[in-house]
């Protein structure tokens, strides 16, 4: 069985992540409550783009995509240790092409969207249970790319009953000859009948009203309003869809940390080193998570690096893969900012986080520490509202 961790070294931490907001006074804060330590079988790579928490019938597991070892590693939250792994083979009858994250329906049904426009279902032994080929959708949707489900940039799949909803991976090459409404965002897969479809949902064309910018969106699901929520990486706009087929409402919510979004200029310079340099220099949103236990959102924001030399390729790559710091903002259901906190430099990893009833867990495995440990520390934060 799958298992995970929890060695709560009760940090006598009284430091609070005090919130600052648009309005006078503090409306919300995050408090560092505990330190959680998982025992590992081998070190965790600093760059793990997909991590998901699974809890059911008293079992609590954490699944982590380890591309270095080509496996999905499984940790028991209760036993506080790594317990097994799902091999991702590259040869033989159970070979898996390059994949873009995964979604866990249950420990023996792990779904991986792959580069060949397929969805593979694996059991815990790494055996392919079924393979769903959705490439035929390109006949109706010529801009079809691939599905993805990663925790980096909060692009994880949403599981509702027998349906799994995946984001379609963005492709900047489509920007030259198409408009936002040509590009659709949301796949839907039913685990019972294996139906795989692409929703007509898209960003409205006025998303480019101030010039072309990357159509990178985040996905989360508000279980109170029963709605899909799509935040945008390079815009203040947040889109809500009740039916997963149309935009029901548009909100505007700007982080005070956003000074200026990066726009493609010139538009045809997408492959140069200037692109990644700009993604490190400029500030932008890097995630939006719905907290079903406290009925609010957490928005992750990258503040950017002002003084950055574009010729520092190694530093730029390191920054982009694992931001040295980021801001967590607490938002209400109308996306008003209740509070915010800038995390300390070179401590946390914004790719590796998860929510549970206990609170928000952030991984302490920023690559700046240069360590290859056989333990993995998470800090548990709880939100407090002062309304």
Foldseek 3Di string as FASTA:
>chain_A
DFAAAFDWPFDPFPDKQFFDFPDPDFFKIKGFGTKGKAFFPWFADQFFFAKAWDDDDHWTKIWTQRPVQQWIWIHHHVHRYTDAIAHAACDDPLHDAAFAYWDPPDQQFIWTKHQQQKIFTGGSNSHTPDIAHPPVCCVVQVVAGIWHATLWLQQHWDDDPQKIKTFGDFDLVVPPPDAFQSDFTIWIAGNPPRDIDTASETDDRCVQVPHDDGADWHWEAQPVLCWIWIDGWQAQWIFIGNVSRYTPDIAGADDPLFDHGDHDVVSPPCPDLVNLVNVQAGKTWTYWYAANLVQWIKTKIQSHDNDDDSVPSVVSVLCVSFPQWIKIFIAHPSRGTNGMGIDDGNFWGSSDWYADNQAIKTWGSRCVVVDTDSMTMITGMDMDGDD
